Amino acid sequence: YKQVEIKLLIDQDATQTGILQGLEWLQKQVTKHDVGVIFFAGHGRNEPSIGYTFLPIDADPKELKLTSIGKDVLKRKLASLRGKILFFFDSCYSGA
């Protein structure tokens, strides 16, 4: 690879907004000739009313629909990326 660009979100930067902005950044950076690698590590929940959701650092367990990142949002974001994408996901407490 000629060039590797990294966007690292840890601790206080791994907010809902920060993660979604990071995915937007990746969408702008990855071309059809590139390989994008995404690694998520954190907590998740599997709720009957909303299904699987990833919990950013600022998630509110009482307001998961508004403060977490649902599987449908993740699927849409990942599907919109060009090139080859590797997605590694480590999500404790998701129950699945």
PDB file of N, CA and C in Angstrom:
ATOM      1  N   TYR A   1       0.837  -1.178   0.000  1.00  0.00           N
ATOM      2  CA  TYR A   1       0.000   0.000   0.000  1.00  0.00           C
ATOM      3  C   TYR A   1       0.879   1.237   0.000  1.00  0.00           C
ATOM      4  N   LYS A   2       0.532   2.203  -0.829  1.00  0.00           N
ATOM      5  CA  LYS A   2       1.297   3.445  -0.909  1.00  0.00           C
ATOM      6  C   LYS A   2       1.129   4.284   0.343  1.00  0.00           C
ATOM      7  N   GLN A   3      -0.095   4.318   0.848  1.00  0.00           N
ATOM      8  CA  GLN A   3      -0.394   5.213   1.953  1.00  0.00           C
ATOM      9  C   GLN A   3      -1.450   4.583   2.853  1.00  0.00           C
ATOM     10  N   VAL A   4      -1.272   4.732   4.150  1.00  0.00           N
ATOM     11  CA  VAL A   4      -2.253   4.254   5.112  1.00  0.00           C
ATOM     12  C   VAL A   4      -2.723   5.454   5.925  1.00  0.00           C
ATOM     13  N   GLU A   5      -4.017   5.652   5.974  1.00  0.00           N
ATOM     14  CA  GLU A   5      -4.589   6.737   6.774  1.00  0.00           C
ATOM     15  C   GLU A   5      -5.389   6.120   7.905  1.00  0.00           C
ATOM     16  N   ILE A   6      -5.228   6.656   9.093  1.00  0.00           N
ATOM     17  CA  ILE A   6      -5.878   6.103  10.276  1.00  0.00           C
ATOM     18  C   ILE A   6      -6.699   7.178  10.960  1.00  0.00           C
ATOM     19  N   LYS A   7      -7.881   6.797  11.363  1.00  0.00           N
ATOM     20  CA  LYS A   7      -8.712   7.659  12.207  1.00  0.00           C
ATOM     21  C   LYS A   7      -9.045   6.829  13.440  1.00  0.00           C
ATOM     22  N   LEU A   8      -8.529   7.240  14.562  1.00  0.00           N
ATOM     23  CA  LEU A   8      -8.668   6.490  15.801  1.00  0.00           C
ATOM     24  C   LEU A   8      -9.613   7.225  16.743  1.00  0.00           C
ATOM     25  N   LEU A   9     -10.637   6.525  17.188  1.00  0.00           N
ATOM     26  CA  LEU A   9     -11.576   7.081  18.161  1.00  0.00           C
ATOM     27  C   LEU A   9     -11.505   6.227  19.416  1.00  0.00           C
ATOM     28  N   ILE A  10     -11.019   6.786  20.482  1.00  0.00           N
ATOM     29  CA  ILE A  10     -10.958   6.048  21.740  1.00  0.00           C
ATOM     30  C   ILE A  10     -11.569   6.889  22.850  1.00  0.00           C
ATOM     31  N   ASP A  11     -12.055   6.191  23.842  1.00  0.00           N
ATOM     32  CA  ASP A  11     -12.612   6.802  25.047  1.00  0.00           C
ATOM     33  C   ASP A  11     -13.570   7.940  24.728  1.00  0.00           C
ATOM     34  N   GLN A  12     -13.277   9.143  25.165  1.00  0.00           N
ATOM     35  CA  GLN A  12     -14.204  10.269  25.043  1.00  0.00           C
ATOM     36  C   GLN A  12     -14.513  10.644  23.595  1.00  0.00           C
ATOM     37  N   ASP A  13     -13.707  10.234  22.635  1.00  0.00           N
ATOM     38  CA  ASP A  13     -13.971  10.541  21.226  1.00  0.00           C
ATOM     39  C   ASP A  13     -14.959   9.568  20.579  1.00  0.00           C
ATOM     40  N   ALA A  14     -15.218   8.436  21.225  1.00  0.00           N
ATOM     41  CA  ALA A  14     -16.076   7.400  20.657  1.00  0.00           C
ATOM     42  C   ALA A  14     -17.543   7.648  21.006  1.00  0.00           C
ATOM     43  N   THR A  15     -17.986   8.868  20.754  1.00  0.00           N
ATOM     44  CA  THR A  15     -19.389   9.233  20.950  1.00  0.00           C
ATOM     45  C   THR A  15     -20.195   8.795  19.741  1.00  0.00           C
ATOM     46  N   GLN A  16     -21.501   8.884  19.849  1.00  0.00           N
ATOM     47  CA  GLN A  16     -22.363   8.571  18.704  1.00  0.00           C
ATOM     48  C   GLN A  16     -21.992   9.464  17.519  1.00  0.00           C
ATOM     49  N   THR A  17     -21.882  10.757  17.782  1.00  0.00           N
ATOM     50  CA  THR A  17     -21.519  11.698  16.713  1.00  0.00           C
ATOM     51  C   THR A  17     -20.131  11.399  16.169  1.00  0.00           C
ATOM     52  N   GLY A  18     -19.172  11.139  17.044  1.00  0.00           N
ATOM     53  CA  GLY A  18     -17.803  10.857  16.614  1.00  0.00           C
ATOM     54  C   GLY A  18     -17.716   9.623  15.730  1.00  0.00           C
ATOM     55  N   ILE A  19     -18.449   8.569  16.100  1.00  0.00           N
ATOM     56  CA  ILE A  19     -18.437   7.330  15.316  1.00  0.00           C
ATOM     57  C   ILE A  19     -19.090   7.550  13.957  1.00  0.00           C
ATOM     58  N   LEU A  20     -20.229   8.221  13.947  1.00  0.00           N
ATOM     59  CA  LEU A  20     -20.905   8.481  12.665  1.00  0.00           C
ATOM     60  C   LEU A  20     -20.068   9.399  11.781  1.00  0.00           C
ATOM     61  N   GLN A  21     -19.411  10.384  12.361  1.00  0.00           N
ATOM     62  CA  GLN A  21     -18.518  11.247  11.582  1.00  0.00           C
ATOM     63  C   GLN A  21     -17.321  10.453  11.065  1.00  0.00           C
ATOM     64  N   GLY A  22     -16.831   9.512  11.858  1.00  0.00           N
ATOM     65  CA  GLY A  22     -15.732   8.657  11.418  1.00  0.00           C
ATOM     66  C   GLY A  22     -16.123   7.802  10.227  1.00  0.00           C
ATOM     67  N   LEU A  23     -17.335   7.283  10.232  1.00  0.00           N
ATOM     68  CA  LEU A  23     -17.814   6.504   9.086  1.00  0.00           C
ATOM     69  C   LEU A  23     -17.998   7.381   7.853  1.00  0.00           C
ATOM     70  N   GLU A  24     -18.441   8.618   8.060  1.00  0.00           N
ATOM     71  CA  GLU A  24     -18.547   9.574   6.944  1.00  0.00           C
ATOM     72  C   GLU A  24     -17.165   9.882   6.374  1.00  0.00           C
ATOM     73  N   TRP A  25     -16.182  10.066   7.257  1.00  0.00           N
ATOM     74  CA  TRP A  25     -14.804  10.318   6.838  1.00  0.00           C
ATOM     75  C   TRP A  25     -14.306   9.153   5.987  1.00  0.00           C
ATOM     76  N   LEU A  26     -14.569   7.934   6.452  1.00  0.00           N
ATOM     77  CA  LEU A  26     -14.132   6.755   5.715  1.00  0.00           C
ATOM     78  C   LEU A  26     -14.796   6.695   4.346  1.00  0.00           C
ATOM     79  N   GLN A  27     -16.066   7.060   4.285  1.00  0.00           N
ATOM     80  CA  GLN A  27     -16.786   7.059   3.012  1.00  0.00           C
ATOM     81  C   GLN A  27     -16.133   8.011   2.013  1.00  0.00           C
ATOM     82  N   LYS A  28     -15.636   9.142   2.488  1.00  0.00           N
ATOM     83  CA  LYS A  28     -14.977  10.111   1.607  1.00  0.00           C
ATOM     84  C   LYS A  28     -13.568   9.668   1.215  1.00  0.00           C
ATOM     85  N   GLN A  29     -12.911   8.889   2.060  1.00  0.00           N
ATOM     86  CA  GLN A  29     -11.518   8.515   1.831  1.00  0.00           C
ATOM     87  C   GLN A  29     -11.347   7.278   0.955  1.00  0.00           C
ATOM     88  N   VAL A  30     -12.219   6.307   1.122  1.00  0.00           N
ATOM     89  CA  VAL A  30     -12.043   5.015   0.442  1.00  0.00           C
ATOM     90  C   VAL A  30     -12.570   5.097  -0.985  1.00  0.00           C
ATOM     91  N   THR A  31     -11.710   4.785  -1.927  1.00  0.00           N
ATOM     92  CA  THR A  31     -12.123   4.720  -3.327  1.00  0.00           C
ATOM     93  C   THR A  31     -12.328   3.263  -3.726  1.00  0.00           C
ATOM     94  N   LYS A  32     -12.756   3.051  -4.951  1.00  0.00           N
ATOM     95  CA  LYS A  32     -12.990   1.682  -5.410  1.00  0.00           C
ATOM     96  C   LYS A  32     -11.692   0.879  -5.506  1.00  0.00           C
ATOM     97  N   HIS A  33     -10.541   1.538  -5.423  1.00  0.00           N
ATOM     98  CA  HIS A  33      -9.246   0.862  -5.507  1.00  0.00           C
ATOM     99  C   HIS A  33      -8.648   0.578  -4.138  1.00  0.00           C
ATOM    100  N   ASP A  34      -9.343   0.949  -3.075  1.00  0.00           N
ATOM    101  CA  ASP A  34      -8.808   0.862  -1.723  1.00  0.00           C
ATOM    102  C   ASP A  34      -9.407  -0.289  -0.928  1.00  0.00           C
ATOM    103  N   VAL A  35      -8.766  -0.533   0.206  1.00  0.00           N
ATOM    104  CA  VAL A  35      -9.295  -1.450   1.207  1.00  0.00           C
ATOM    105  C   VAL A  35      -9.506  -0.640   2.479  1.00  0.00           C
ATOM    106  N   GLY A  36     -10.729  -0.611   2.950  1.00  0.00           N
ATOM    107  CA  GLY A  36     -11.041   0.067   4.206  1.00  0.00           C
ATOM    108  C   GLY A  36     -11.166  -0.967   5.312  1.00  0.00           C
ATOM    109  N   VAL A  37     -10.605  -0.656   6.467  1.00  0.00           N
ATOM    110  CA  VAL A  37     -10.667  -1.555   7.614  1.00  0.00           C
ATOM    111  C   VAL A  37     -11.315  -0.810   8.771  1.00  0.00           C
ATOM    112  N   ILE A  38     -12.340  -1.407   9.340  1.00  0.00           N
ATOM    113  CA  ILE A  38     -13.050  -0.815  10.472  1.00  0.00           C
ATOM    114  C   ILE A  38     -13.005  -1.817  11.621  1.00  0.00           C
ATOM    115  N   PHE A  39     -12.628  -1.337  12.791  1.00  0.00           N
ATOM    116  CA  PHE A  39     -12.630  -2.180  13.987  1.00  0.00           C
ATOM    117  C   PHE A  39     -13.417  -1.463  15.066  1.00  0.00           C
ATOM    118  N   PHE A  40     -14.513  -2.063  15.465  1.00  0.00           N
ATOM    119  CA  PHE A  40     -15.335  -1.552  16.564  1.00  0.00           C
ATOM    120  C   PHE A  40     -15.104  -2.451  17.769  1.00  0.00           C
ATOM    121  N   ALA A  41     -14.828  -1.865  18.908  1.00  0.00           N
ATOM    122  CA  ALA A  41     -14.755  -2.609  20.166  1.00  0.00           C
ATOM    123  C   ALA A  41     -15.510  -1.800  21.207  1.00  0.00           C
ATOM    124  N   GLY A  42     -16.444  -2.429  21.841  1.00  0.00           N
ATOM    125  CA  GLY A  42     -17.229  -1.741  22.846  1.00  0.00           C
ATOM    126  C   GLY A  42     -18.377  -2.612  23.291  1.00  0.00           C
ATOM    127  N   HIS A  43     -19.406  -1.982  23.784  1.00  0.00           N
ATOM    128  CA  HIS A  43     -20.573  -2.709  24.263  1.00  0.00           C
ATOM    129  C   HIS A  43     -21.720  -2.599  23.273  1.00  0.00           C
ATOM    130  N   GLY A  44     -22.585  -3.561  23.337  1.00  0.00           N
ATOM    131  CA  GLY A  44     -23.780  -3.561  22.513  1.00  0.00           C
ATOM    132  C   GLY A  44     -24.949  -4.068  23.321  1.00  0.00           C
ATOM    133  N   ARG A  45     -26.115  -3.916  22.774  1.00  0.00           N
ATOM    134  CA  ARG A  45     -27.320  -4.436  23.407  1.00  0.00           C
ATOM    135  C   ARG A  45     -28.182  -5.058  22.323  1.00  0.00           C
ATOM    136  N   ASN A  46     -28.935  -6.034  22.713  1.00  0.00           N
ATOM    137  CA  ASN A  46     -29.882  -6.673  21.813  1.00  0.00           C
ATOM    138  C   ASN A  46     -31.248  -6.564  22.474  1.00  0.00           C
ATOM    139  N   GLU A  47     -31.977  -5.547  22.097  1.00  0.00           N
ATOM    140  CA  GLU A  47     -33.269  -5.244  22.706  1.00  0.00           C
ATOM    141  C   GLU A  47     -34.408  -5.708  21.798  1.00  0.00           C
ATOM    142  N   PRO A  48     -35.451  -6.316  22.358  1.00  0.00           N
ATOM    143  CA  PRO A  48     -36.569  -6.785  21.532  1.00  0.00           C
ATOM    144  C   PRO A  48     -37.200  -5.687  20.678  1.00  0.00           C
ATOM    145  N   SER A  49     -37.280  -4.484  21.203  1.00  0.00           N
ATOM    146  CA  SER A  49     -37.977  -3.420  20.469  1.00  0.00           C
ATOM    147  C   SER A  49     -37.156  -2.802  19.338  1.00  0.00           C
ATOM    148  N   ILE A  50     -35.818  -2.855  19.443  1.00  0.00           N
ATOM    149  CA  ILE A  50     -34.984  -2.215  18.416  1.00  0.00           C
ATOM    150  C   ILE A  50     -33.935  -3.140  17.809  1.00  0.00           C
ATOM    151  N   GLY A  51     -33.818  -4.346  18.319  1.00  0.00           N
ATOM    152  CA  GLY A  51     -32.808  -5.268  17.817  1.00  0.00           C
ATOM    153  C   GLY A  51     -31.420  -4.910  18.345  1.00  0.00           C
ATOM    154  N   TYR A  52     -30.391  -5.283  17.571  1.00  0.00           N
ATOM    155  CA  TYR A  52     -29.027  -5.015  18.005  1.00  0.00           C
ATOM    156  C   TYR A  52     -28.696  -3.531  17.876  1.00  0.00           C
ATOM    157  N   THR A  53     -27.958  -3.018  18.838  1.00  0.00           N
ATOM    158  CA  THR A  53     -27.477  -1.644  18.783  1.00  0.00           C
ATOM    159  C   THR A  53     -26.116  -1.553  19.461  1.00  0.00           C
ATOM    160  N   PHE A  54     -25.228  -0.766  18.878  1.00  0.00           N
ATOM    161  CA  PHE A  54     -23.888  -0.532  19.429  1.00  0.00           C
ATOM    162  C   PHE A  54     -23.960   0.677  20.360  1.00  0.00           C
ATOM    163  N   LEU A  55     -23.294   0.578  21.509  1.00  0.00           N
ATOM    164  CA  LEU A  55     -23.363   1.638  22.506  1.00  0.00           C
ATOM    165  C   LEU A  55     -22.090   2.483  22.495  1.00  0.00           C
ATOM    166  N   PRO A  56     -22.153   3.682  21.973  1.00  0.00           N
ATOM    167  CA  PRO A  56     -21.012   4.584  22.072  1.00  0.00           C
ATOM    168  C   PRO A  56     -20.856   5.046  23.519  1.00  0.00           C
ATOM    169  N   ILE A  57     -19.796   5.745  23.798  1.00  0.00           N
ATOM    170  CA  ILE A  57     -19.507   6.151  25.173  1.00  0.00           C
ATOM    171  C   ILE A  57     -20.610   7.025  25.770  1.00  0.00           C
ATOM    172  N   ASP A  58     -21.314   7.768  24.949  1.00  0.00           N
ATOM    173  CA  ASP A  58     -22.345   8.670  25.452  1.00  0.00           C
ATOM    174  C   ASP A  58     -23.757   8.092  25.360  1.00  0.00           C
ATOM    175  N   ALA A  59     -23.874   6.777  25.173  1.00  0.00           N
ATOM    176  CA  ALA A  59     -25.196   6.153  25.082  1.00  0.00           C
ATOM    177  C   ALA A  59     -25.917   6.243  26.426  1.00  0.00           C
ATOM    178  N   ASP A  60     -27.201   6.441  26.349  1.00  0.00           N
ATOM    179  CA  ASP A  60     -28.061   6.469  27.530  1.00  0.00           C
ATOM    180  C   ASP A  60     -28.925   5.214  27.491  1.00  0.00           C
ATOM    181  N   PRO A  61     -28.744   4.290  28.440  1.00  0.00           N
ATOM    182  CA  PRO A  61     -29.513   3.037  28.423  1.00  0.00           C
ATOM    183  C   PRO A  61     -31.024   3.247  28.423  1.00  0.00           C
ATOM    184  N   LYS A  62     -31.495   4.383  28.909  1.00  0.00           N
ATOM    185  CA  LYS A  62     -32.927   4.665  28.928  1.00  0.00           C
ATOM    186  C   LYS A  62     -33.421   5.235  27.598  1.00  0.00           C
ATOM    187  N   GLU A  63     -32.497   5.657  26.736  1.00  0.00           N
ATOM    188  CA  GLU A  63     -32.838   6.270  25.440  1.00  0.00           C
ATOM    189  C   GLU A  63     -32.002   5.657  24.312  1.00  0.00           C
ATOM    190  N   LEU A  64     -31.969   4.341  24.236  1.00  0.00           N
ATOM    191  CA  LEU A  64     -31.100   3.670  23.264  1.00  0.00           C
ATOM    192  C   LEU A  64     -31.429   4.027  21.820  1.00  0.00           C
ATOM    193  N   LYS A  65     -32.701   4.194  21.503  1.00  0.00           N
ATOM    194  CA  LYS A  65     -33.069   4.546  20.122  1.00  0.00           C
ATOM    195  C   LYS A  65     -32.415   5.851  19.689  1.00  0.00           C
ATOM    196  N   LEU A  66     -32.260   6.775  20.610  1.00  0.00           N
ATOM    197  CA  LEU A  66     -31.723   8.099  20.284  1.00  0.00           C
ATOM    198  C   LEU A  66     -30.216   8.212  20.476  1.00  0.00           C
ATOM    199  N   THR A  67     -29.632   7.370  21.330  1.00  0.00           N
ATOM    200  CA  THR A  67     -28.229   7.595  21.707  1.00  0.00           C
ATOM    201  C   THR A  67     -27.282   6.476  21.312  1.00  0.00           C
ATOM    202  N   SER A  68     -27.793   5.409  20.699  1.00  0.00           N
ATOM    203  CA  SER A  68     -26.924   4.322  20.264  1.00  0.00           C
ATOM    204  C   SER A  68     -26.865   4.302  18.734  1.00  0.00           C
ATOM    205  N   ILE A  69     -26.179   3.306  18.192  1.00  0.00           N
ATOM    206  CA  ILE A  69     -26.070   3.172  16.735  1.00  0.00           C
ATOM    207  C   ILE A  69     -26.634   1.804  16.367  1.00  0.00           C
ATOM    208  N   GLY A  70     -27.811   1.803  15.776  1.00  0.00           N
ATOM    209  CA  GLY A  70     -28.519   0.569  15.453  1.00  0.00           C
ATOM    210  C   GLY A  70     -27.915  -0.179  14.280  1.00  0.00           C
ATOM    211  N   LYS A  71     -28.254  -1.456  14.202  1.00  0.00           N
ATOM    212  CA  LYS A  71     -27.713  -2.309  13.143  1.00  0.00           C
ATOM    213  C   LYS A  71     -28.083  -1.810  11.753  1.00  0.00           C
ATOM    214  N   ASP A  72     -29.265  -1.231  11.599  1.00  0.00           N
ATOM    215  CA  ASP A  72     -29.673  -0.741  10.283  1.00  0.00           C
ATOM    216  C   ASP A  72     -28.815   0.437   9.839  1.00  0.00           C
ATOM    217  N   VAL A  73     -28.473   1.310  10.768  1.00  0.00           N
ATOM    218  CA  VAL A  73     -27.586   2.438  10.451  1.00  0.00           C
ATOM    219  C   VAL A  73     -26.214   1.900  10.062  1.00  0.00           C
ATOM    220  N   LEU A  74     -25.691   0.955  10.833  1.00  0.00           N
ATOM    221  CA  LEU A  74     -24.389   0.370  10.513  1.00  0.00           C
ATOM    222  C   LEU A  74     -24.401  -0.296   9.145  1.00  0.00           C
ATOM    223  N   LYS A  75     -25.446  -1.051   8.848  1.00  0.00           N
ATOM    224  CA  LYS A  75     -25.535  -1.725   7.544  1.00  0.00           C
ATOM    225  C   LYS A  75     -25.542  -0.718   6.399  1.00  0.00           C
ATOM    226  N   ARG A  76     -26.328   0.353   6.544  1.00  0.00           N
ATOM    227  CA  ARG A  76     -26.390   1.379   5.487  1.00  0.00           C
ATOM    228  C   ARG A  76     -25.037   2.047   5.287  1.00  0.00           C
ATOM    229  N   LYS A  77     -24.388   2.390   6.382  1.00  0.00           N
ATOM    230  CA  LYS A  77     -23.087   3.060   6.288  1.00  0.00           C
ATOM    231  C   LYS A  77     -22.059   2.145   5.628  1.00  0.00           C
ATOM    232  N   LEU A  78     -22.018   0.897   6.035  1.00  0.00           N
ATOM    233  CA  LEU A  78     -21.046  -0.041   5.473  1.00  0.00           C
ATOM    234  C   LEU A  78     -21.344  -0.334   4.003  1.00  0.00           C
ATOM    235  N   ALA A  79     -22.610  -0.462   3.655  1.00  0.00           N
ATOM    236  CA  ALA A  79     -22.989  -0.748   2.268  1.00  0.00           C
ATOM    237  C   ALA A  79     -22.652   0.413   1.345  1.00  0.00           C
ATOM    238  N   SER A  80     -22.568   1.615   1.878  1.00  0.00           N
ATOM    239  CA  SER A  80     -22.294   2.783   1.035  1.00  0.00           C
ATOM    240  C   SER A  80     -20.804   2.983   0.763  1.00  0.00           C
ATOM    241  N   LEU A  81     -19.962   2.218   1.437  1.00  0.00           N
ATOM    242  CA  LEU A  81     -18.516   2.375   1.242  1.00  0.00           C
ATOM    243  C   LEU A  81     -18.079   1.713  -0.056  1.00  0.00           C
ATOM    244  N   ARG A  82     -17.177   2.393  -0.759  1.00  0.00           N
ATOM    245  CA  ARG A  82     -16.633   1.842  -1.997  1.00  0.00           C
ATOM    246  C   ARG A  82     -15.420   0.985  -1.669  1.00  0.00           C
ATOM    247  N   GLY A  83     -14.928   0.266  -2.638  1.00  0.00           N
ATOM    248  CA  GLY A  83     -13.748  -0.560  -2.431  1.00  0.00           C
ATOM    249  C   GLY A  83     -14.075  -1.797  -1.619  1.00  0.00           C
ATOM    250  N   LYS A  84     -13.026  -2.422  -1.135  1.00  0.00           N
ATOM    251  CA  LYS A  84     -13.189  -3.599  -0.281  1.00  0.00           C
ATOM    252  C   LYS A  84     -13.168  -3.131   1.168  1.00  0.00           C
ATOM    253  N   ILE A  85     -14.064  -3.687   1.959  1.00  0.00           N
ATOM    254  CA  ILE A  85     -14.184  -3.269   3.347  1.00  0.00           C
ATOM    255  C   ILE A  85     -14.068  -4.490   4.248  1.00  0.00           C
ATOM    256  N   LEU A  86     -13.204  -4.377   5.248  1.00  0.00           N
ATOM    257  CA  LEU A  86     -13.113  -5.389   6.303  1.00  0.00           C
ATOM    258  C   LEU A  86     -13.680  -4.764   7.565  1.00  0.00           C
ATOM    259  N   PHE A  87     -14.634  -5.442   8.177  1.00  0.00           N
ATOM    260  CA  PHE A  87     -15.292  -4.914   9.366  1.00  0.00           C
ATOM    261  C   PHE A  87     -15.118  -5.909  10.504  1.00  0.00           C
ATOM    262  N   PHE A  88     -14.384  -5.511  11.527  1.00  0.00           N
ATOM    263  CA  PHE A  88     -14.166  -6.336  12.711  1.00  0.00           C
ATOM    264  C   PHE A  88     -14.989  -5.738  13.844  1.00  0.00           C
ATOM    265  N   PHE A  89     -15.688  -6.600  14.540  1.00  0.00           N
ATOM    266  CA  PHE A  89     -16.669  -6.130  15.502  1.00  0.00           C
ATOM    267  C   PHE A  89     -16.531  -6.930  16.792  1.00  0.00           C
ATOM    268  N   ASP A  90     -16.246  -6.271  17.895  1.00  0.00           N
ATOM    269  CA  ASP A  90     -16.167  -6.894  19.212  1.00  0.00           C
ATOM    270  C   ASP A  90     -17.122  -6.146  20.111  1.00  0.00           C
ATOM    271  N   SER A  91     -18.273  -6.740  20.364  1.00  0.00           N
ATOM    272  CA  SER A  91     -19.342  -6.025  21.055  1.00  0.00           C
ATOM    273  C   SER A  91     -19.851  -6.870  22.239  1.00  0.00           C
ATOM    274  N   CYS A  92     -19.328  -6.589  23.412  1.00  0.00           N
ATOM    275  CA  CYS A  92     -19.741  -7.301  24.620  1.00  0.00           C
ATOM    276  C   CYS A  92     -21.179  -6.957  24.986  1.00  0.00           C
ATOM    277  N   TYR A  93     -21.804  -7.831  25.723  1.00  0.00           N
ATOM    278  CA  TYR A  93     -23.151  -7.658  26.263  1.00  0.00           C
ATOM    279  C   TYR A  93     -24.241  -7.550  25.208  1.00  0.00           C
ATOM    280  N   SER A  94     -23.967  -7.969  23.982  1.00  0.00           N
ATOM    281  CA  SER A  94     -25.001  -7.872  22.950  1.00  0.00           C
ATOM    282  C   SER A  94     -25.969  -9.049  22.991  1.00  0.00           C
ATOM    283  N   GLY A  95     -25.595 -10.105  23.664  1.00  0.00           N
ATOM    284  CA  GLY A  95     -26.494 -11.237  23.818  1.00  0.00           C
ATOM    285  C   GLY A  95     -26.690 -12.058  22.565  1.00  0.00           C
ATOM    286  N   ALA A  96     -25.854 -11.857  21.567  1.00  0.00           N
ATOM    287  CA  ALA A  96     -25.975 -12.629  20.330  1.00  0.00           C
ATOM    288  C   ALA A  96     -24.624 -12.733  19.658  1.00  0.00           C
TER     289      ALA A  96
END
